């Protein structure tokens, strides 16, 4: 007769099965923020995303941020980026995707975040700023409002990227206001779609992927976006004309969930914020020559650039913008309206 065995040894097969099941469960629940323990330190990975290509100004920002974070934290914090909407999460969906744990954060086009809070749409207001310096100063004033709006939803602002001025890509050259009714146009947020419709165009707000599909299916014949956005997507394959209406100098906003940032030690938090500040400065420096570089690339690919834009076209758009800006000021509140008024006076 065999002696009594300790309980753990009586059913070794069953115990092994339980261990394997637990291991499989842990692996299946791998989060967007991974943490691997090694002797003396913890390695943390943040999954971030953008719906734009790696060569677009938004993509360049994430590449720069990842590099600076790795350097400053000696590899303790790693940022893994997904470009070109590889994760199928567009800008407007990024806050929810972060809160759901699908990503740690991302770089989102701010106009698409206006549904989260109207103040996040400030940079896409039409004809408010006409230079990079005024755009920078305006966004610095608005930054506390951006931070507050994101924090209320469990998100932390990292850095802001100012884009080159928005123009109109079109299938045919635009001679003036009379050409607007012929445009089936992709707008990049709710406000711009309202402005373009008020001016006579058939406009709708579409995420980039949906807009590109509409373009390829010939349901669209115009895009509201910058030379940067258009060049990154090779819009010249369908829209060989660009009219420099200088509609806005919008921003994209990079953020992460509050809890993943709070999980870092205080020294690591300081390094990540320093990396974010360096990225923002680098992005602004990039802006200085971005328009001329985009124009050169566009011309090399057969794009005819109308700069300046026809006066009747600009006049029609500015007139159409008035009601939209007024409505936005009411929704966004007195502090945001005061920033708009300051920008107007510059």
C-alpha atoms as a PDB file:
ATOM      1  CA  UNK A   1       0.000   0.000   0.000  1.00  0.00           C
ATOM      2  CA  UNK A   2       1.353   3.392  -0.984  1.00  0.00           C
ATOM      3  CA  UNK A   3       1.881   5.958   1.756  1.00  0.00           C
ATOM      4  CA  UNK A   4      -0.353   9.018   1.892  1.00  0.00           C
ATOM      5  CA  UNK A   5       0.938  11.706  -0.446  1.00  0.00           C
ATOM      6  CA  UNK A   6       0.679  15.447   0.171  1.00  0.00           C
ATOM      7  CA  UNK A   7      -2.449  16.853  -1.492  1.00  0.00           C
ATOM      8  CA  UNK A   8      -0.597  18.816  -4.254  1.00  0.00           C
ATOM      9  CA  UNK A   9       1.017  15.578  -5.436  1.00  0.00           C
ATOM     10  CA  UNK A  10      -2.103  13.417  -5.523  1.00  0.00           C
ATOM     11  CA  UNK A  11      -3.522  14.928  -8.689  1.00  0.00           C
ATOM     12  CA  UNK A  12      -0.497  16.221 -10.689  1.00  0.00           C
ATOM     13  CA  UNK A  13      -2.242  16.107 -14.079  1.00  0.00           C
ATOM     14  CA  UNK A  14      -5.199  18.108 -12.838  1.00  0.00           C
ATOM     15  CA  UNK A  15      -2.883  20.648 -11.236  1.00  0.00           C
ATOM     16  CA  UNK A  16      -0.861  21.074 -14.436  1.00  0.00           C
ATOM     17  CA  UNK A  17      -4.074  21.601 -16.408  1.00  0.00           C
ATOM     18  CA  UNK A  18      -5.138  24.346 -14.019  1.00  0.00           C
ATOM     19  CA  UNK A  19      -1.743  26.065 -14.340  1.00  0.00           C
ATOM     20  CA  UNK A  20      -1.912  25.993 -18.152  1.00  0.00           C
ATOM     21  CA  UNK A  21      -5.442  27.384 -18.076  1.00  0.00           C
ATOM     22  CA  UNK A  22      -4.351  30.275 -15.854  1.00  0.00           C
ATOM     23  CA  UNK A  23      -1.381  31.046 -18.119  1.00  0.00           C
ATOM     24  CA  UNK A  24      -3.637  31.071 -21.188  1.00  0.00           C
ATOM     25  CA  UNK A  25      -6.084  33.419 -19.451  1.00  0.00           C
ATOM     26  CA  UNK A  26      -3.330  35.887 -18.532  1.00  0.00           C
ATOM     27  CA  UNK A  27      -1.949  35.893 -22.083  1.00  0.00           C
ATOM     28  CA  UNK A  28      -5.397  36.446 -23.582  1.00  0.00           C
ATOM     29  CA  UNK A  29      -5.904  39.551 -21.447  1.00  0.00           C
ATOM     30  CA  UNK A  30      -2.710  41.337 -22.518  1.00  0.00           C
ATOM     31  CA  UNK A  31      -3.533  45.058 -22.229  1.00  0.00           C
ATOM     32  CA  UNK A  32      -2.556  48.054 -24.369  1.00  0.00           C
ATOM     33  CA  UNK A  33      -0.118  48.949 -21.567  1.00  0.00           C
ATOM     34  CA  UNK A  34       2.242  46.032 -21.020  1.00  0.00           C
ATOM     35  CA  UNK A  35       4.515  45.750 -18.004  1.00  0.00           C
ATOM     36  CA  UNK A  36       7.293  43.178 -17.830  1.00  0.00           C
ATOM     37  CA  UNK A  37       9.271  42.823 -14.619  1.00  0.00           C
ATOM     38  CA  UNK A  38      13.024  42.405 -14.865  1.00  0.00           C
ATOM     39  CA  UNK A  39      15.641  42.570 -12.128  1.00  0.00           C
ATOM     40  CA  UNK A  40      15.493  46.013 -10.540  1.00  0.00           C
ATOM     41  CA  UNK A  41      13.131  47.675 -13.007  1.00  0.00           C
ATOM     42  CA  UNK A  42       9.812  47.481 -14.831  1.00  0.00           C
ATOM     43  CA  UNK A  43       9.513  47.802 -18.581  1.00  0.00           C
ATOM     44  CA  UNK A  44       6.379  49.623 -19.684  1.00  0.00           C
ATOM     45  CA  UNK A  45       5.011  49.804 -23.238  1.00  0.00           C
ATOM     46  CA  UNK A  46       2.391  52.267 -24.421  1.00  0.00           C
ATOM     47  CA  UNK A  47       0.471  51.444 -27.595  1.00  0.00           C
ATOM     48  CA  UNK A  48      -0.352  54.701 -29.399  1.00  0.00           C
ATOM     49  CA  UNK A  49      -1.985  55.334 -32.757  1.00  0.00           C
ATOM     50  CA  UNK A  50      -2.764  57.879 -35.449  1.00  0.00           C
ATOM     51  CA  UNK A  51      -4.999  57.641 -38.498  1.00  0.00           C
ATOM     52  CA  UNK A  52      -2.288  59.328 -40.599  1.00  0.00           C
ATOM     53  CA  UNK A  53       0.827  57.930 -42.312  1.00  0.00           C
ATOM     54  CA  UNK A  54       4.227  57.891 -40.630  1.00  0.00           C
ATOM     55  CA  UNK A  55       5.454  60.627 -42.998  1.00  0.00           C
ATOM     56  CA  UNK A  56       2.554  62.946 -42.154  1.00  0.00           C
ATOM     57  CA  UNK A  57       3.166  65.621 -39.513  1.00  0.00           C
ATOM     58  CA  UNK A  58       1.046  63.657 -37.014  1.00  0.00           C
ATOM     59  CA  UNK A  59       3.061  60.508 -37.676  1.00  0.00           C
ATOM     60  CA  UNK A  60       6.358  62.363 -37.390  1.00  0.00           C
ATOM     61  CA  UNK A  61       5.253  63.616 -33.982  1.00  0.00           C
ATOM     62  CA  UNK A  62       4.622  60.104 -32.672  1.00  0.00           C
ATOM     63  CA  UNK A  63       7.969  58.882 -34.044  1.00  0.00           C
ATOM     64  CA  UNK A  64       9.745  61.781 -32.342  1.00  0.00           C
ATOM     65  CA  UNK A  65       7.887  61.270 -29.066  1.00  0.00           C
ATOM     66  CA  UNK A  66       8.685  57.547 -28.994  1.00  0.00           C
ATOM     67  CA  UNK A  67      12.361  58.258 -29.577  1.00  0.00           C
ATOM     68  CA  UNK A  68      12.573  60.986 -26.902  1.00  0.00           C
ATOM     69  CA  UNK A  69      10.700  58.876 -24.345  1.00  0.00           C
ATOM     70  CA  UNK A  70      12.992  55.899 -24.897  1.00  0.00           C
ATOM     71  CA  UNK A  71      16.092  58.072 -24.562  1.00  0.00           C
ATOM     72  CA  UNK A  72      14.926  59.961 -21.495  1.00  0.00           C
ATOM     73  CA  UNK A  73      13.703  56.893 -19.605  1.00  0.00           C
ATOM     74  CA  UNK A  74      16.620  54.679 -20.674  1.00  0.00           C
ATOM     75  CA  UNK A  75      14.138  52.303 -22.255  1.00  0.00           C
ATOM     76  CA  UNK A  76      11.986  51.897 -19.157  1.00  0.00           C
ATOM     77  CA  UNK A  77       9.040  53.395 -21.084  1.00  0.00           C
ATOM     78  CA  UNK A  78       8.567  52.355 -24.714  1.00  0.00           C
ATOM     79  CA  UNK A  79       6.021  53.819 -27.115  1.00  0.00           C
ATOM     80  CA  UNK A  80       4.816  51.477 -29.856  1.00  0.00           C
ATOM     81  CA  UNK A  81       3.086  53.329 -32.682  1.00  0.00           C
ATOM     82  CA  UNK A  82       0.456  52.249 -35.192  1.00  0.00           C
ATOM     83  CA  UNK A  83       0.207  54.492 -38.267  1.00  0.00           C
ATOM     84  CA  UNK A  84      -2.232  54.965 -41.109  1.00  0.00           C
ATOM     85  CA  UNK A  85      -5.217  53.825 -39.014  1.00  0.00           C
ATOM     86  CA  UNK A  86      -3.813  50.293 -38.854  1.00  0.00           C
ATOM     87  CA  UNK A  87      -5.803  49.696 -35.671  1.00  0.00           C
ATOM     88  CA  UNK A  88      -9.022  50.954 -37.307  1.00  0.00           C
ATOM     89  CA  UNK A  89      -9.426  53.679 -34.672  1.00  0.00           C
ATOM     90  CA  UNK A  90     -10.012  57.128 -36.171  1.00  0.00           C
ATOM     91  CA  UNK A  91      -9.349  60.384 -34.324  1.00  0.00           C
ATOM     92  CA  UNK A  92     -12.865  60.780 -32.973  1.00  0.00           C
ATOM     93  CA  UNK A  93     -12.820  57.238 -31.578  1.00  0.00           C
ATOM     94  CA  UNK A  94      -9.436  57.462 -29.843  1.00  0.00           C
ATOM     95  CA  UNK A  95     -10.634  58.744 -26.431  1.00  0.00           C
ATOM     96  CA  UNK A  96     -13.101  55.874 -26.080  1.00  0.00           C
ATOM     97  CA  UNK A  97     -10.547  53.340 -27.365  1.00  0.00           C
ATOM     98  CA  UNK A  98      -8.075  54.559 -24.742  1.00  0.00           C
ATOM     99  CA  UNK A  99     -10.620  54.361 -21.932  1.00  0.00           C
ATOM    100  CA  UNK A 100     -11.619  50.869 -23.101  1.00  0.00           C
ATOM    101  CA  UNK A 101      -7.993  49.756 -22.863  1.00  0.00           C
ATOM    102  CA  UNK A 102      -7.491  49.094 -26.573  1.00  0.00           C
ATOM    103  CA  UNK A 103      -4.725  51.714 -26.695  1.00  0.00           C
ATOM    104  CA  UNK A 104      -2.816  53.740 -24.132  1.00  0.00           C
ATOM    105  CA  UNK A 105      -3.342  56.889 -26.189  1.00  0.00           C
ATOM    106  CA  UNK A 106      -2.820  58.461 -29.573  1.00  0.00           C
ATOM    107  CA  UNK A 107      -2.429  61.568 -31.685  1.00  0.00           C
ATOM    108  CA  UNK A 108      -5.894  62.727 -32.739  1.00  0.00           C
ATOM    109  CA  UNK A 109      -6.943  65.458 -35.145  1.00  0.00           C
ATOM    110  CA  UNK A 110      -8.476  68.021 -32.791  1.00  0.00           C
ATOM    111  CA  UNK A 111     -11.444  68.918 -34.976  1.00  0.00           C
ATOM    112  CA  UNK A 112     -12.693  65.353 -34.705  1.00  0.00           C
ATOM    113  CA  UNK A 113     -12.553  65.657 -30.889  1.00  0.00           C
ATOM    114  CA  UNK A 114     -15.031  68.541 -30.749  1.00  0.00           C
ATOM    115  CA  UNK A 115     -17.735  66.001 -29.923  1.00  0.00           C
ATOM    116  CA  UNK A 116     -15.844  65.286 -26.699  1.00  0.00           C
ATOM    117  CA  UNK A 117     -15.793  68.991 -25.850  1.00  0.00           C
ATOM    118  CA  UNK A 118     -16.428  71.954 -28.190  1.00  0.00           C
ATOM    119  CA  UNK A 119     -13.262  73.716 -27.006  1.00  0.00           C
ATOM    120  CA  UNK A 120     -11.157  71.029 -28.698  1.00  0.00           C
ATOM    121  CA  UNK A 121     -12.423  72.361 -32.027  1.00  0.00           C
ATOM    122  CA  UNK A 122     -10.968  75.835 -31.487  1.00  0.00           C
ATOM    123  CA  UNK A 123      -8.040  75.384 -33.872  1.00  0.00           C
ATOM    124  CA  UNK A 124     -10.322  74.462 -36.787  1.00  0.00           C
ATOM    125  CA  UNK A 125     -12.380  77.658 -36.555  1.00  0.00           C
ATOM    126  CA  UNK A 126     -12.316  79.293 -39.998  1.00  0.00           C
ATOM    127  CA  UNK A 127     -10.020  82.223 -40.788  1.00  0.00           C
ATOM    128  CA  UNK A 128      -9.070  82.786 -37.148  1.00  0.00           C
ATOM    129  CA  UNK A 129      -5.271  82.564 -37.525  1.00  0.00           C
ATOM    130  CA  UNK A 130      -3.175  83.238 -40.592  1.00  0.00           C
ATOM    131  CA  UNK A 131       0.358  82.581 -39.361  1.00  0.00           C
ATOM    132  CA  UNK A 132       2.248  79.906 -37.468  1.00  0.00           C
ATOM    133  CA  UNK A 133       3.222  82.322 -34.684  1.00  0.00           C
ATOM    134  CA  UNK A 134      -0.368  83.411 -34.045  1.00  0.00           C
ATOM    135  CA  UNK A 135      -1.479  79.791 -34.181  1.00  0.00           C
ATOM    136  CA  UNK A 136       1.136  78.896 -31.574  1.00  0.00           C
ATOM    137  CA  UNK A 137       0.197  81.769 -29.276  1.00  0.00           C
ATOM    138  CA  UNK A 138      -3.512  80.972 -29.605  1.00  0.00           C
ATOM    139  CA  UNK A 139      -2.997  77.319 -28.742  1.00  0.00           C
ATOM    140  CA  UNK A 140      -0.790  78.183 -25.772  1.00  0.00           C
ATOM    141  CA  UNK A 141      -3.663  80.258 -24.395  1.00  0.00           C
ATOM    142  CA  UNK A 142      -6.094  77.439 -25.095  1.00  0.00           C
ATOM    143  CA  UNK A 143      -3.911  74.681 -23.675  1.00  0.00           C
ATOM    144  CA  UNK A 144      -5.353  74.814 -20.116  1.00  0.00           C
ATOM    145  CA  UNK A 145      -8.828  74.428 -21.645  1.00  0.00           C
ATOM    146  CA  UNK A 146      -7.671  71.463 -23.726  1.00  0.00           C
ATOM    147  CA  UNK A 147      -6.089  69.872 -20.650  1.00  0.00           C
ATOM    148  CA  UNK A 148      -9.241  70.385 -18.585  1.00  0.00           C
ATOM    149  CA  UNK A 149     -11.488  68.919 -21.286  1.00  0.00           C
ATOM    150  CA  UNK A 150      -9.316  65.813 -21.627  1.00  0.00           C
ATOM    151  CA  UNK A 151      -8.774  65.383 -17.880  1.00  0.00           C
ATOM    152  CA  UNK A 152     -12.535  65.357 -17.330  1.00  0.00           C
ATOM    153  CA  UNK A 153     -12.605  62.225 -19.503  1.00  0.00           C
ATOM    154  CA  UNK A 154      -9.664  60.472 -17.867  1.00  0.00           C
ATOM    155  CA  UNK A 155      -7.042  61.573 -20.413  1.00  0.00           C
ATOM    156  CA  UNK A 156      -3.761  63.484 -20.131  1.00  0.00           C
ATOM    157  CA  UNK A 157      -2.552  65.875 -22.816  1.00  0.00           C
ATOM    158  CA  UNK A 158       1.053  65.257 -23.861  1.00  0.00           C
ATOM    159  CA  UNK A 159       1.775  67.640 -26.735  1.00  0.00           C
ATOM    160  CA  UNK A 160       0.108  69.640 -29.496  1.00  0.00           C
ATOM    161  CA  UNK A 161       1.080  69.634 -33.186  1.00  0.00           C
ATOM    162  CA  UNK A 162       0.156  72.606 -35.384  1.00  0.00           C
ATOM    163  CA  UNK A 163      -0.590  71.629 -38.982  1.00  0.00           C
ATOM    164  CA  UNK A 164       0.100  73.656 -42.127  1.00  0.00           C
ATOM    165  CA  UNK A 165      -2.780  75.815 -43.330  1.00  0.00           C
ATOM    166  CA  UNK A 166      -5.869  74.068 -44.685  1.00  0.00           C
ATOM    167  CA  UNK A 167      -6.704  74.402 -48.364  1.00  0.00           C
ATOM    168  CA  UNK A 168      -9.113  72.941 -50.905  1.00  0.00           C
ATOM    169  CA  UNK A 169      -8.056  69.991 -53.058  1.00  0.00           C
ATOM    170  CA  UNK A 170     -10.348  69.630 -56.067  1.00  0.00           C
ATOM    171  CA  UNK A 171     -10.839  67.732 -59.280  1.00  0.00           C
ATOM    172  CA  UNK A 172     -11.069  70.944 -61.283  1.00  0.00           C
ATOM    173  CA  UNK A 173      -9.587  74.406 -60.822  1.00  0.00           C
ATOM    174  CA  UNK A 174     -11.713  76.753 -58.705  1.00  0.00           C
ATOM    175  CA  UNK A 175     -12.223  80.113 -60.357  1.00  0.00           C
ATOM    176  CA  UNK A 176     -14.492  81.646 -57.726  1.00  0.00           C
ATOM    177  CA  UNK A 177     -17.544  81.309 -55.491  1.00  0.00           C
ATOM    178  CA  UNK A 178     -19.689  80.056 -58.380  1.00  0.00           C
ATOM    179  CA  UNK A 179     -17.719  76.796 -58.391  1.00  0.00           C
ATOM    180  CA  UNK A 180     -18.685  75.865 -54.820  1.00  0.00           C
ATOM    181  CA  UNK A 181     -22.097  74.262 -55.621  1.00  0.00           C
ATOM    182  CA  UNK A 182     -20.325  71.763 -57.907  1.00  0.00           C
ATOM    183  CA  UNK A 183     -18.229  70.387 -55.032  1.00  0.00           C
ATOM    184  CA  UNK A 184     -18.993  67.096 -53.294  1.00  0.00           C
ATOM    185  CA  UNK A 185     -16.583  67.821 -50.514  1.00  0.00           C
ATOM    186  CA  UNK A 186     -15.051  66.029 -47.551  1.00  0.00           C
ATOM    187  CA  UNK A 187     -14.838  68.326 -44.523  1.00  0.00           C
ATOM    188  CA  UNK A 188     -12.718  67.442 -41.499  1.00  0.00           C
ATOM    189  CA  UNK A 189     -15.090  68.321 -38.663  1.00  0.00           C
ATOM    190  CA  UNK A 190     -18.666  69.368 -37.971  1.00  0.00           C
ATOM    191  CA  UNK A 191     -17.902  73.093 -38.080  1.00  0.00           C
ATOM    192  CA  UNK A 192     -16.131  72.970 -41.446  1.00  0.00           C
ATOM    193  CA  UNK A 193     -18.936  70.914 -42.975  1.00  0.00           C
ATOM    194  CA  UNK A 194     -21.439  73.568 -41.813  1.00  0.00           C
ATOM    195  CA  UNK A 195     -19.326  76.384 -43.255  1.00  0.00           C
ATOM    196  CA  UNK A 196     -18.900  74.672 -46.599  1.00  0.00           C
ATOM    197  CA  UNK A 197     -22.613  73.875 -46.856  1.00  0.00           C
ATOM    198  CA  UNK A 198     -23.489  77.474 -45.988  1.00  0.00           C
ATOM    199  CA  UNK A 199     -21.204  78.580 -48.816  1.00  0.00           C
ATOM    200  CA  UNK A 200     -23.037  76.320 -51.280  1.00  0.00           C
ATOM    201  CA  UNK A 201     -20.947  73.138 -51.396  1.00  0.00           C
ATOM    202  CA  UNK A 202     -22.299  69.651 -50.749  1.00  0.00           C
ATOM    203  CA  UNK A 203     -20.090  68.910 -47.752  1.00  0.00           C
ATOM    204  CA  UNK A 204     -19.944  66.212 -45.107  1.00  0.00           C
ATOM    205  CA  UNK A 205     -17.613  65.436 -42.216  1.00  0.00           C
ATOM    206  CA  UNK A 206     -15.866  62.115 -42.864  1.00  0.00           C
ATOM    207  CA  UNK A 207     -12.967  60.318 -41.143  1.00  0.00           C
ATOM    208  CA  UNK A 208     -10.004  59.938 -43.471  1.00  0.00           C
ATOM    209  CA  UNK A 209     -10.569  56.270 -44.349  1.00  0.00           C
ATOM    210  CA  UNK A 210     -14.213  56.842 -45.278  1.00  0.00           C
ATOM    211  CA  UNK A 211     -13.263  59.941 -47.236  1.00  0.00           C
ATOM    212  CA  UNK A 212     -10.623  58.105 -49.256  1.00  0.00           C
ATOM    213  CA  UNK A 213     -13.130  55.392 -50.075  1.00  0.00           C
ATOM    214  CA  UNK A 214     -15.590  58.046 -51.279  1.00  0.00           C
ATOM    215  CA  UNK A 215     -12.882  59.597 -53.411  1.00  0.00           C
ATOM    216  CA  UNK A 216     -11.916  56.306 -55.049  1.00  0.00           C
ATOM    217  CA  UNK A 217     -15.579  55.572 -55.750  1.00  0.00           C
ATOM    218  CA  UNK A 218     -15.964  59.055 -57.322  1.00  0.00           C
ATOM    219  CA  UNK A 219     -18.599  60.120 -54.782  1.00  0.00           C
ATOM    220  CA  UNK A 220     -16.317  63.001 -53.765  1.00  0.00           C
ATOM    221  CA  UNK A 221     -14.541  65.512 -55.967  1.00  0.00           C
ATOM    222  CA  UNK A 222     -12.961  67.774 -53.329  1.00  0.00           C
ATOM    223  CA  UNK A 223     -11.168  67.596 -49.958  1.00  0.00           C
ATOM    224  CA  UNK A 224     -10.712  70.174 -47.240  1.00  0.00           C
ATOM    225  CA  UNK A 225      -7.256  69.431 -45.846  1.00  0.00           C
ATOM    226  CA  UNK A 226      -3.738  70.802 -45.800  1.00  0.00           C
ATOM    227  CA  UNK A 227      -1.015  70.179 -48.312  1.00  0.00           C
ATOM    228  CA  UNK A 228       0.453  67.942 -45.634  1.00  0.00           C
ATOM    229  CA  UNK A 229      -2.663  65.828 -45.258  1.00  0.00           C
ATOM    230  CA  UNK A 230      -3.166  65.588 -48.981  1.00  0.00           C
ATOM    231  CA  UNK A 231       0.444  64.824 -49.857  1.00  0.00           C
ATOM    232  CA  UNK A 232       0.559  62.066 -47.256  1.00  0.00           C
ATOM    233  CA  UNK A 233      -2.452  60.437 -48.927  1.00  0.00           C
ATOM    234  CA  UNK A 234      -1.381  61.183 -52.522  1.00  0.00           C
ATOM    235  CA  UNK A 235      -4.613  63.022 -53.221  1.00  0.00           C
ATOM    236  CA  UNK A 236      -3.079  64.195 -56.486  1.00  0.00           C
ATOM    237  CA  UNK A 237      -4.053  60.825 -57.982  1.00  0.00           C
ATOM    238  CA  UNK A 238      -7.655  62.081 -57.936  1.00  0.00           C
ATOM    239  CA  UNK A 239      -7.544  65.810 -57.139  1.00  0.00           C
ATOM    240  CA  UNK A 240      -4.853  67.626 -59.126  1.00  0.00           C
ATOM    241  CA  UNK A 241      -5.781  71.154 -57.987  1.00  0.00           C
ATOM    242  CA  UNK A 242      -5.053  72.846 -54.654  1.00  0.00           C
ATOM    243  CA  UNK A 243      -6.476  76.246 -53.718  1.00  0.00           C
ATOM    244  CA  UNK A 244      -4.720  77.932 -50.789  1.00  0.00           C
ATOM    245  CA  UNK A 245      -7.723  79.369 -48.941  1.00  0.00           C
ATOM    246  CA  UNK A 246      -5.839  79.318 -45.580  1.00  0.00           C
ATOM    247  CA  UNK A 247      -9.026  78.169 -43.903  1.00  0.00           C
ATOM    248  CA  UNK A 248      -7.347  77.275 -40.586  1.00  0.00           C
ATOM    249  CA  UNK A 249      -4.137  75.996 -39.006  1.00  0.00           C
ATOM    250  CA  UNK A 250      -5.626  73.093 -37.050  1.00  0.00           C
ATOM    251  CA  UNK A 251      -3.862  71.003 -34.446  1.00  0.00           C
ATOM    252  CA  UNK A 252      -3.668  67.391 -33.493  1.00  0.00           C
ATOM    253  CA  UNK A 253      -3.452  66.473 -29.813  1.00  0.00           C
ATOM    254  CA  UNK A 254      -1.384  63.626 -28.375  1.00  0.00           C
ATOM    255  CA  UNK A 255      -2.666  62.121 -25.135  1.00  0.00           C
ATOM    256  CA  UNK A 256      -2.608  59.036 -22.915  1.00  0.00           C
ATOM    257  CA  UNK A 257      -4.948  57.693 -20.266  1.00  0.00           C
ATOM    258  CA  UNK A 258      -4.495  59.292 -16.870  1.00  0.00           C
ATOM    259  CA  UNK A 259      -4.097  55.959 -15.128  1.00  0.00           C
ATOM    260  CA  UNK A 260      -1.216  54.724 -17.288  1.00  0.00           C
ATOM    261  CA  UNK A 261       0.615  58.005 -16.751  1.00  0.00           C
ATOM    262  CA  UNK A 262      -0.104  57.942 -12.997  1.00  0.00           C
ATOM    263  CA  UNK A 263       1.294  54.398 -12.818  1.00  0.00           C
ATOM    264  CA  UNK A 264       4.765  55.739 -13.655  1.00  0.00           C
ATOM    265  CA  UNK A 265       7.118  56.750 -10.891  1.00  0.00           C
ATOM    266  CA  UNK A 266       7.474  60.505 -10.403  1.00  0.00           C
ATOM    267  CA  UNK A 267      10.941  60.589 -12.021  1.00  0.00           C
ATOM    268  CA  UNK A 268       9.579  58.720 -15.046  1.00  0.00           C
ATOM    269  CA  UNK A 269       6.599  61.089 -15.249  1.00  0.00           C
ATOM    270  CA  UNK A 270       8.966  64.059 -15.377  1.00  0.00           C
ATOM    271  CA  UNK A 271      10.992  62.452 -18.158  1.00  0.00           C
ATOM    272  CA  UNK A 272       7.906  61.629 -20.219  1.00  0.00           C
ATOM    273  CA  UNK A 273       6.629  65.208 -19.883  1.00  0.00           C
ATOM    274  CA  UNK A 274      10.052  66.531 -20.878  1.00  0.00           C
ATOM    275  CA  UNK A 275       9.968  64.255 -23.934  1.00  0.00           C
ATOM    276  CA  UNK A 276       6.513  65.590 -24.792  1.00  0.00           C
ATOM    277  CA  UNK A 277       7.716  69.210 -24.497  1.00  0.00           C
ATOM    278  CA  UNK A 278      10.694  68.458 -26.738  1.00  0.00           C
ATOM    279  CA  UNK A 279       8.377  66.834 -29.269  1.00  0.00           C
ATOM    280  CA  UNK A 280       6.076  69.852 -29.328  1.00  0.00           C
ATOM    281  CA  UNK A 281       9.035  72.171 -29.925  1.00  0.00           C
ATOM    282  CA  UNK A 282      10.370  69.903 -32.661  1.00  0.00           C
ATOM    283  CA  UNK A 283       6.962  69.787 -34.338  1.00  0.00           C
ATOM    284  CA  UNK A 284       6.706  73.567 -34.363  1.00  0.00           C
ATOM    285  CA  UNK A 285      10.201  73.863 -35.847  1.00  0.00           C
ATOM    286  CA  UNK A 286       9.142  71.412 -38.554  1.00  0.00           C
ATOM    287  CA  UNK A 287       6.241  73.686 -39.471  1.00  0.00           C
ATOM    288  CA  UNK A 288       8.553  76.494 -40.625  1.00  0.00           C
ATOM    289  CA  UNK A 289       9.390  74.772 -43.925  1.00  0.00           C
ATOM    290  CA  UNK A 290       6.581  72.261 -44.135  1.00  0.00           C
ATOM    291  CA  UNK A 291       4.337  74.225 -46.501  1.00  0.00           C
ATOM    292  CA  UNK A 292       7.092  74.942 -49.021  1.00  0.00           C
ATOM    293  CA  UNK A 293       8.231  71.302 -48.891  1.00  0.00           C
ATOM    294  CA  UNK A 294       4.677  70.096 -49.417  1.00  0.00           C
ATOM    295  CA  UNK A 295       4.162  72.496 -52.330  1.00  0.00           C
ATOM    296  CA  UNK A 296       7.361  71.265 -54.000  1.00  0.00           C
ATOM    297  CA  UNK A 297       6.266  67.654 -53.631  1.00  0.00           C
ATOM    298  CA  UNK A 298       2.766  68.478 -54.877  1.00  0.00           C
ATOM    299  CA  UNK A 299       4.085  70.276 -57.968  1.00  0.00           C
ATOM    300  CA  UNK A 300       6.419  67.352 -58.667  1.00  0.00           C
ATOM    301  CA  UNK A 301       3.294  65.195 -58.790  1.00  0.00           C
ATOM    302  CA  UNK A 302       1.388  67.448 -61.165  1.00  0.00           C
ATOM    303  CA  UNK A 303      -0.684  69.517 -58.705  1.00  0.00           C
ATOM    304  CA  UNK A 304      -1.642  73.018 -59.859  1.00  0.00           C
ATOM    305  CA  UNK A 305      -1.517  75.335 -56.819  1.00  0.00           C
ATOM    306  CA  UNK A 306      -3.645  78.496 -56.744  1.00  0.00           C
ATOM    307  CA  UNK A 307      -2.009  80.819 -54.213  1.00  0.00           C
ATOM    308  CA  UNK A 308      -3.511  83.281 -53.515  1.00  0.00           C
ATOM    309  CA  UNK A 309      -7.027  81.946 -53.869  1.00  0.00           C
ATOM    310  CA  UNK A 310      -9.691  83.770 -55.939  1.00  0.00           C
ATOM    311  CA  UNK A 311     -11.128  86.677 -53.943  1.00  0.00           C
ATOM    312  CA  UNK A 312     -14.784  85.850 -54.612  1.00  0.00           C
ATOM    313  CA  UNK A 313     -14.198  82.328 -53.250  1.00  0.00           C
ATOM    314  CA  UNK A 314     -12.600  83.649 -50.071  1.00  0.00           C
ATOM    315  CA  UNK A 315     -15.329  86.235 -49.589  1.00  0.00           C
ATOM    316  CA  UNK A 316     -18.057  83.595 -49.867  1.00  0.00           C
ATOM    317  CA  UNK A 317     -16.328  81.309 -47.379  1.00  0.00           C
ATOM    318  CA  UNK A 318     -15.675  84.076 -44.860  1.00  0.00           C
ATOM    319  CA  UNK A 319     -19.299  85.167 -45.015  1.00  0.00           C
ATOM    320  CA  UNK A 320     -20.489  81.585 -44.559  1.00  0.00           C
ATOM    321  CA  UNK A 321     -18.211  81.143 -41.528  1.00  0.00           C
ATOM    322  CA  UNK A 322     -19.764  83.874 -39.372  1.00  0.00           C
ATOM    323  CA  UNK A 323     -22.753  81.971 -37.989  1.00  0.00           C
ATOM    324  CA  UNK A 324     -20.702  78.831 -37.303  1.00  0.00           C
ATOM    325  CA  UNK A 325     -18.091  80.710 -35.275  1.00  0.00           C
ATOM    326  CA  UNK A 326     -20.781  82.516 -33.265  1.00  0.00           C
ATOM    327  CA  UNK A 327     -22.518  79.225 -32.450  1.00  0.00           C
ATOM    328  CA  UNK A 328     -19.222  77.659 -31.421  1.00  0.00           C
ATOM    329  CA  UNK A 329     -18.435  80.519 -29.035  1.00  0.00           C
ATOM    330  CA  UNK A 330     -21.777  80.000 -27.314  1.00  0.00           C
ATOM    331  CA  UNK A 331     -21.153  76.260 -26.922  1.00  0.00           C
ATOM    332  CA  UNK A 332     -17.501  76.513 -25.855  1.00  0.00           C
ATOM    333  CA  UNK A 333     -18.012  79.157 -23.167  1.00  0.00           C
ATOM    334  CA  UNK A 334     -16.665  82.552 -22.170  1.00  0.00           C
ATOM    335  CA  UNK A 335     -13.012  81.520 -21.650  1.00  0.00           C
ATOM    336  CA  UNK A 336     -12.783  79.989 -25.113  1.00  0.00           C
ATOM    337  CA  UNK A 337     -14.597  82.949 -26.709  1.00  0.00           C
ATOM    338  CA  UNK A 338     -12.080  85.314 -25.084  1.00  0.00           C
ATOM    339  CA  UNK A 339      -9.210  83.427 -26.766  1.00  0.00           C
ATOM    340  CA  UNK A 340     -10.972  83.708 -30.122  1.00  0.00           C
ATOM    341  CA  UNK A 341     -11.395  87.447 -29.622  1.00  0.00           C
ATOM    342  CA  UNK A 342      -7.703  87.795 -28.750  1.00  0.00           C
ATOM    343  CA  UNK A 343      -6.720  85.923 -31.921  1.00  0.00           C
ATOM    344  CA  UNK A 344      -8.963  88.131 -34.043  1.00  0.00           C
ATOM    345  CA  UNK A 345      -7.157  91.232 -32.823  1.00  0.00           C
ATOM    346  CA  UNK A 346      -3.685  90.018 -33.767  1.00  0.00           C
END
